[in-house]
Amino acid sequence: MSKADKRIPVTEERWQELNDLKEAGQTYDELLKELVEQQQRRQLAARTRAVEEASEEELTSLDEL
């Protein structure tokens, strides 16, 4: 993967929150990757719950695909 130096403007408060989350030796790139993965897992879990809670009328049968 190529490295691209980008600037992401954040408030001083957000910067401090990120700094507090970052572990010793961990880069901000690694921290952001971890946060993105956590958010993706939460989104997947929410979509899974929505499907599980949907009524049969709201779902499309695999035979219809």
C-alpha atoms as a PDB file:
ATOM      1  CA  MET A   1       0.000   0.000   0.000  1.00  0.00           C
ATOM      2  CA  SER A   2       1.380   3.388  -0.859  1.00  0.00           C
ATOM      3  CA  LYS A   3       1.701   5.989   1.826  1.00  0.00           C
ATOM      4  CA  ALA A   4       0.006   9.301   1.227  1.00  0.00           C
ATOM      5  CA  ASP A   5       0.521  12.197   3.582  1.00  0.00           C
ATOM      6  CA  LYS A   6      -2.831  13.888   3.997  1.00  0.00           C
ATOM      7  CA  ARG A   7      -4.060  16.488   6.413  1.00  0.00           C
ATOM      8  CA  ILE A   8      -7.327  15.967   8.225  1.00  0.00           C
ATOM      9  CA  PRO A   9      -8.458  19.080  10.068  1.00  0.00           C
ATOM     10  CA  VAL A  10      -9.708  18.303  13.571  1.00  0.00           C
ATOM     11  CA  THR A  11     -10.534  20.399  16.589  1.00  0.00           C
ATOM     12  CA  GLU A  12      -8.113  20.518  19.493  1.00  0.00           C
ATOM     13  CA  GLU A  13     -10.667  18.534  21.513  1.00  0.00           C
ATOM     14  CA  ARG A  14     -10.860  15.768  18.864  1.00  0.00           C
ATOM     15  CA  TRP A  15      -7.053  15.689  18.573  1.00  0.00           C
ATOM     16  CA  GLN A  16      -6.796  15.143  22.338  1.00  0.00           C
ATOM     17  CA  GLU A  17      -9.432  12.398  22.229  1.00  0.00           C
ATOM     18  CA  LEU A  18      -7.511  10.620  19.470  1.00  0.00           C
ATOM     19  CA  ASN A  19      -4.283  11.053  21.374  1.00  0.00           C
ATOM     20  CA  ASP A  20      -5.897   9.557  24.487  1.00  0.00           C
ATOM     21  CA  LEU A  21      -7.059   6.524  22.479  1.00  0.00           C
ATOM     22  CA  LYS A  22      -3.677   5.950  20.873  1.00  0.00           C
ATOM     23  CA  GLU A  23      -1.509   3.369  22.593  1.00  0.00           C
ATOM     24  CA  ALA A  24       2.238   3.747  23.095  1.00  0.00           C
ATOM     25  CA  GLY A  25       4.025   2.935  19.842  1.00  0.00           C
ATOM     26  CA  GLN A  26       0.802   2.993  17.840  1.00  0.00           C
ATOM     27  CA  THR A  27       0.674   5.320  14.854  1.00  0.00           C
ATOM     28  CA  TYR A  28      -2.293   7.545  14.104  1.00  0.00           C
ATOM     29  CA  ASP A  29      -2.734   5.561  10.887  1.00  0.00           C
ATOM     30  CA  GLU A  30      -3.029   2.337  12.890  1.00  0.00           C
ATOM     31  CA  LEU A  31      -5.463   3.971  15.316  1.00  0.00           C
ATOM     32  CA  LEU A  32      -7.636   5.308  12.510  1.00  0.00           C
ATOM     33  CA  LYS A  33      -7.596   1.905  10.793  1.00  0.00           C
ATOM     34  CA  GLU A  34      -8.777   0.294  14.029  1.00  0.00           C
ATOM     35  CA  LEU A  35     -11.539   2.885  14.464  1.00  0.00           C
ATOM     36  CA  VAL A  36     -12.697   2.406  10.857  1.00  0.00           C
ATOM     37  CA  GLU A  37     -12.803  -1.380  11.301  1.00  0.00           C
ATOM     38  CA  GLN A  38     -14.813  -1.011  14.527  1.00  0.00           C
ATOM     39  CA  GLN A  39     -17.311   1.259  12.776  1.00  0.00           C
ATOM     40  CA  GLN A  40     -17.617  -1.152   9.845  1.00  0.00           C
ATOM     41  CA  ARG A  41     -18.334  -4.018  12.266  1.00  0.00           C
ATOM     42  CA  ARG A  42     -21.007  -1.928  14.024  1.00  0.00           C
ATOM     43  CA  GLN A  43     -22.632  -1.092  10.680  1.00  0.00           C
ATOM     44  CA  LEU A  44     -22.612  -4.754   9.636  1.00  0.00           C
ATOM     45  CA  ALA A  45     -24.117  -5.780  12.970  1.00  0.00           C
ATOM     46  CA  ALA A  46     -26.855  -3.152  12.579  1.00  0.00           C
ATOM     47  CA  ARG A  47     -27.678  -4.356   9.054  1.00  0.00           C
ATOM     48  CA  THR A  48     -27.726  -7.955  10.294  1.00  0.00           C
ATOM     49  CA  ARG A  49     -30.127  -7.028  13.107  1.00  0.00           C
ATOM     50  CA  ALA A  50     -32.361  -5.200  10.620  1.00  0.00           C
ATOM     51  CA  VAL A  51     -32.573  -8.314   8.439  1.00  0.00           C
ATOM     52  CA  GLU A  52     -33.209 -10.562  11.437  1.00  0.00           C
ATOM     53  CA  GLU A  53     -35.984  -8.255  12.654  1.00  0.00           C
ATOM     54  CA  ALA A  54     -37.591  -7.819   9.225  1.00  0.00           C
ATOM     55  CA  SER A  55     -40.805  -9.635   8.523  1.00  0.00           C
ATOM     56  CA  GLU A  56     -40.882 -12.216   5.748  1.00  0.00           C
ATOM     57  CA  GLU A  57     -42.906  -9.829   3.587  1.00  0.00           C
ATOM     58  CA  GLU A  58     -40.068  -7.293   3.703  1.00  0.00           C
ATOM     59  CA  LEU A  59     -37.461  -9.787   2.482  1.00  0.00           C
ATOM     60  CA  THR A  60     -36.812 -11.122  -1.015  1.00  0.00           C
ATOM     61  CA  SER A  61     -36.693 -14.871  -1.414  1.00  0.00           C
ATOM     62  CA  LEU A  62     -33.438 -16.223  -2.820  1.00  0.00           C
ATOM     63  CA  ASP A  63     -35.522 -18.050  -5.419  1.00  0.00           C
ATOM     64  CA  GLU A  64     -36.639 -14.654  -6.732  1.00  0.00           C
ATOM     65  CA  LEU A  65     -33.099 -13.411  -7.312  1.00  0.00           C
END
